[in-house]
Structures are given as structure tokens and as C-alpha cells.
Amino acid sequence: MLLKNKSAVIYGAGGAIGQRLAPSFDECHRSSASVRFDGRINQSNQEESHMADILHKVGIKSSSLDDAYKALTTLEGLSGWWTNNTQGESKVGGVIQFRFGAHGIDMKVLELYPAKRVLWQVVDGPEEWIGTKVSWELKQEGDWTIVLFKHEGWKEPVEFMHHCSTKWGVFLLSLKSLLETGKGAPAPNDIKIDNWN
């Protein structure tokens, strides 16, 4: 069965910049079916390989969606909570370089939906990260801005993934601190969790 595609608007710094094709919600969430890369639906999940994902949720008190979005989409915002050595272009299609001492990660910006969603793809960095995607979903619940974080597409849950999951949690708390108090704890001033720092 082929999917019927719907379009989704893609936003850049100047507003809507284009569209991409996307399957409908029902087509993606059918019981015991999965969507294949070629647009067909697998009737058995045995045909697909299962990749591991890192998932986190953090609530930020009295923060606006716009402030959280800016912290995730501007070089100044990103350097305020993740690493103070952040460079590049944070627009759709741009690449942001995050440096942690002698090591680094390059993220290509795939999607920006103002005050709603940010999606990156790792294009350079640790071998386990290459090709994985990092997404940020934002929503308001009363006085709380909720950030749903996902680092998806890990080939397998290796020990490095355990380390990275904990470090993502540390940096999400740094994001929370930046937005609640005005001061984050970006690298190199982050909490060191093990001998891999």
C-alpha cells in the first residue's frame, strides 16, 4: 500500500520557506504496521530494524515558548546552556558546530517551526551519532513550558549511549536553569558525570 502524502510547511528565519511531504497521522500509526523509507507500509514489524532513542522531558517554570525556542535556535542561546564554543548557521539548511575541547559535533538544521519544533541531523562527530536526529518539541502547559527531547536513530544501545543520555539530561537542566534564572551551565562548566568528560 502506498502512502497518500500531505504537505507540511517548513519555516526559516524569514517565515515559511517551503514544504515537505509527510504521511498522514493515520498512515504512520496503524496497528502493527510501519512506514518504510520507500513510502510503503510494512504489515509486519519483523521486517524493520529497531533503533534506540534517548527521550527526556523537562518543564521550565514561567518561561515562554518564544524564549525556549530562541535558546534552541540562536548561537547565543545554544552557547548559554550546551557549550560556550558554538558556531555556524542556525537557519534551515545551515550547520551548527558544537565544540567540547578537542571534540565536536556538527548538526544540520532540518526543520524550524517557531515556538513548536526544532529538528537537527548529526553530520559530523562521534561515529555513533552520525546520521542520528535530535528533535525538540515545545508546548505550553499553564505556567510551564514543556520540552520533549528526542535523540533518535541510534543503531544499538551501546555504553556510549548511556553516557550521552545522562549528559543530555544534564544539559537539559542547564537549559532549564538558563531560562528560569538567566544562567546555564554550558560546557566546559557542566556537571562531569564520568571519566569520559
Protein backbone atom coordinates (compact mmCIF):
# COMPACT_ATOMS: atom_id res chain seq x y z
CA MET A 1 0.00 0.00 0.00
CA LEU A 2 1.39 3.42 -0.89
CA LEU A 3 1.03 6.40 1.41
CA LYS A 4 -1.01 9.42 0.48
CA ASN A 5 1.23 12.37 1.19
CA LYS A 6 0.21 15.64 2.77
CA SER A 7 2.43 18.69 2.85
CA ALA A 8 3.95 20.34 5.88
CA VAL A 9 5.15 23.93 5.86
CA ILE A 10 8.83 24.46 6.67
CA TYR A 11 9.85 27.69 8.37
CA GLY A 12 13.09 29.61 8.25
CA ALA A 13 14.13 32.86 9.88
CA GLY A 14 12.06 34.86 7.36
CA GLY A 15 8.87 32.81 7.68
CA ALA A 16 7.56 29.98 5.53
CA ILE A 17 10.25 28.84 3.11
CA GLY A 18 8.80 25.69 1.61
CA GLN A 19 7.05 22.43 2.20
CA ARG A 20 7.95 18.80 2.59
CA LEU A 21 5.87 15.73 2.02
CA ALA A 22 4.64 13.89 5.07
CA PRO A 23 2.41 10.85 5.57
CA SER A 24 -0.87 11.36 7.40
CA PHE A 25 -1.11 10.63 11.12
CA ASP A 26 -3.33 7.60 10.50
CA GLU A 27 -0.89 6.12 8.00
CA CYS A 28 2.02 6.42 10.44
CA HIS A 29 0.15 4.98 13.41
CA ARG A 30 -1.70 1.97 12.01
CA SER A 31 -1.87 -1.04 14.28
CA SER A 32 1.02 -3.46 13.63
CA ALA A 33 2.19 -1.52 10.59
CA SER A 34 5.22 0.65 9.99
CA VAL A 35 6.19 3.12 7.31
CA ARG A 36 9.14 2.15 5.11
CA PHE A 37 11.54 4.60 3.51
CA ASP A 38 10.05 3.97 0.05
CA GLY A 39 6.58 5.08 1.26
CA ARG A 40 5.04 1.62 1.51
CA ILE A 41 3.59 0.24 4.72
CA ASN A 42 5.07 -2.91 6.26
CA GLN A 43 2.40 -5.15 7.69
CA SER A 44 4.88 -6.86 10.00
CA ASN A 45 7.26 -5.12 12.35
CA GLN A 46 9.63 -8.08 11.92
CA GLU A 47 10.77 -6.54 8.62
CA GLU A 48 12.17 -3.40 10.23
CA SER A 49 15.21 -3.00 12.43
CA HIS A 50 14.60 -1.35 15.78
CA MET A 51 16.79 1.61 16.59
CA ALA A 52 17.25 3.02 20.06
CA ASP A 53 16.25 6.54 21.09
CA ILE A 54 17.10 8.83 24.00
CA LEU A 55 13.98 10.53 25.39
CA HIS A 56 13.72 13.28 28.03
CA LYS A 57 11.06 15.69 29.26
CA VAL A 58 11.77 18.88 31.17
CA GLY A 59 9.39 21.58 32.40
CA ILE A 60 10.55 25.17 32.57
CA LYS A 61 8.65 27.36 35.03
CA SER A 62 7.39 30.76 33.84
CA SER A 63 9.22 30.58 30.52
CA SER A 64 7.60 31.50 27.24
CA LEU A 65 7.64 29.22 24.20
CA ASP A 66 9.44 32.00 22.32
CA ASP A 67 12.25 32.17 24.91
CA ALA A 68 12.71 28.40 24.83
CA TYR A 69 12.69 28.42 21.02
CA LYS A 70 15.37 31.18 20.94
CA ALA A 71 17.53 29.18 23.36
CA LEU A 72 17.37 26.25 20.91
CA THR A 73 17.77 28.18 17.65
CA THR A 74 20.25 31.02 18.19
CA LEU A 75 24.01 30.73 18.66
CA GLU A 76 23.77 32.93 21.77
CA GLY A 77 21.01 30.76 23.24
CA LEU A 78 22.76 27.46 22.47
CA SER A 79 26.06 28.67 23.91
CA GLY A 80 24.21 29.67 27.09
CA TRP A 81 23.28 26.10 28.04
CA TRP A 82 25.08 23.44 25.89
CA THR A 83 28.63 24.53 25.07
CA ASN A 84 30.10 28.01 25.09
CA ASN A 85 32.03 27.07 21.90
CA THR A 86 29.11 27.18 19.43
CA GLN A 87 29.45 28.49 15.87
CA GLY A 88 27.80 28.18 12.47
CA GLU A 89 24.45 28.99 10.90
CA SER A 90 21.29 28.19 12.83
CA LYS A 91 18.85 28.60 9.90
CA VAL A 92 17.22 25.71 7.98
CA GLY A 93 19.92 24.07 5.87
CA GLY A 94 22.71 25.58 7.99
CA VAL A 95 25.21 23.63 10.07
CA ILE A 96 25.94 24.43 13.71
CA GLN A 97 29.30 23.37 15.15
CA PHE A 98 29.37 22.48 18.84
CA ARG A 99 32.86 22.03 20.34
CA PHE A 100 33.74 20.30 23.60
CA GLY A 101 37.50 20.74 24.00
CA ALA A 102 39.24 18.67 21.30
CA HIS A 103 35.99 17.00 20.21
CA GLY A 104 32.90 18.29 18.48
CA ILE A 105 29.55 17.65 16.86
CA ASP A 106 28.14 19.26 13.72
CA MET A 107 24.36 19.45 13.39
CA LYS A 108 22.50 20.28 10.19
CA VAL A 109 19.28 22.20 10.85
CA LEU A 110 16.45 20.29 9.12
CA GLU A 111 13.31 21.96 10.48
CA LEU A 112 12.36 25.06 12.45
CA TYR A 113 8.74 25.58 13.47
CA PRO A 114 8.73 28.77 15.58
CA ALA A 115 7.88 28.12 19.23
CA LYS A 116 6.94 24.50 18.40
CA ARG A 117 9.69 22.26 16.99
CA VAL A 118 13.39 22.10 16.14
CA LEU A 119 15.00 19.20 14.24
CA TRP A 120 18.71 18.63 13.60
CA GLN A 121 20.68 15.80 11.98
CA VAL A 122 24.21 14.92 13.05
CA VAL A 123 26.56 15.27 10.07
CA ASP A 124 29.91 15.05 11.91
CA GLY A 125 31.03 13.88 15.32
CA PRO A 126 31.24 10.57 17.16
CA GLU A 127 30.64 7.59 14.88
CA GLU A 128 27.58 6.50 16.91
CA TRP A 129 25.97 9.92 16.35
CA ILE A 130 26.42 10.23 12.56
CA GLY A 131 23.00 10.19 10.87
CA THR A 132 21.04 10.37 14.14
CA LYS A 133 18.49 13.14 14.63
CA VAL A 134 17.85 15.44 17.57
CA SER A 135 14.39 16.96 17.99
CA TRP A 136 12.86 19.40 20.43
CA GLU A 137 9.07 19.64 20.77
CA LEU A 138 7.76 22.64 22.72
CA LYS A 139 4.34 23.13 24.30
CA GLN A 140 2.82 25.35 26.97
CA GLU A 141 1.00 23.83 29.96
CA GLY A 142 -0.13 26.59 32.30
CA ASP A 143 2.95 28.35 33.71
CA TRP A 144 5.23 25.64 32.35
CA THR A 145 7.00 25.38 29.01
CA ILE A 146 7.40 21.67 28.33
CA VAL A 147 10.36 20.47 26.28
CA LEU A 148 10.12 16.97 24.83
CA PHE A 149 13.58 15.94 23.70
CA LYS A 150 14.48 13.04 21.43
CA HIS A 151 17.86 11.85 20.13
CA GLU A 152 16.75 9.17 17.70
CA GLY A 153 18.24 6.62 15.37
CA TRP A 154 20.98 5.05 17.48
CA LYS A 155 21.88 1.73 15.85
CA GLU A 156 22.22 -0.01 19.22
CA PRO A 157 22.22 0.90 22.92
CA VAL A 158 26.00 0.84 23.49
CA GLU A 159 27.65 2.13 26.66
CA PHE A 160 28.31 5.49 24.96
CA MET A 161 24.54 5.90 24.56
CA HIS A 162 24.11 5.53 28.34
CA HIS A 163 26.69 8.28 28.85
CA CYS A 164 25.04 10.53 26.25
CA SER A 165 21.58 10.02 27.73
CA THR A 166 22.79 11.21 31.12
CA LYS A 167 24.70 14.14 29.56
CA TRP A 168 21.60 15.20 27.60
CA GLY A 169 19.75 15.23 30.94
CA VAL A 170 22.50 17.40 32.46
CA PHE A 171 22.33 19.84 29.55
CA LEU A 172 18.52 19.95 29.61
CA LEU A 173 18.76 21.01 33.25
CA SER A 174 21.26 23.65 32.11
CA LEU A 175 18.65 24.86 29.57
CA LYS A 176 16.05 24.95 32.35
CA SER A 177 18.41 26.96 34.57
CA LEU A 178 19.23 29.40 31.77
CA LEU A 179 15.55 30.12 31.13
CA GLU A 180 14.50 30.23 34.79
CA THR A 181 17.46 32.11 36.29
CA GLY A 182 19.33 33.63 33.35
CA LYS A 183 22.39 31.41 33.94
CA GLY A 184 23.01 27.98 32.41
CA ALA A 185 25.95 25.61 32.89
CA PRO A 186 27.29 25.01 29.36
CA ALA A 187 30.48 23.05 28.71
CA PRO A 188 33.16 23.37 29.95
CA ASN A 189 31.28 24.37 33.14
CA ASP A 190 28.82 21.43 33.01
CA ILE A 191 28.49 18.66 35.57
CA LYS A 192 31.08 15.94 34.89
CA ILE A 193 29.36 12.55 35.19
CA ASP A 194 32.14 10.05 34.49
CA ASN A 195 35.68 9.53 33.18
CA TRP A 196 34.57 10.27 29.58
CA ASN A 197 34.25 14.03 30.21
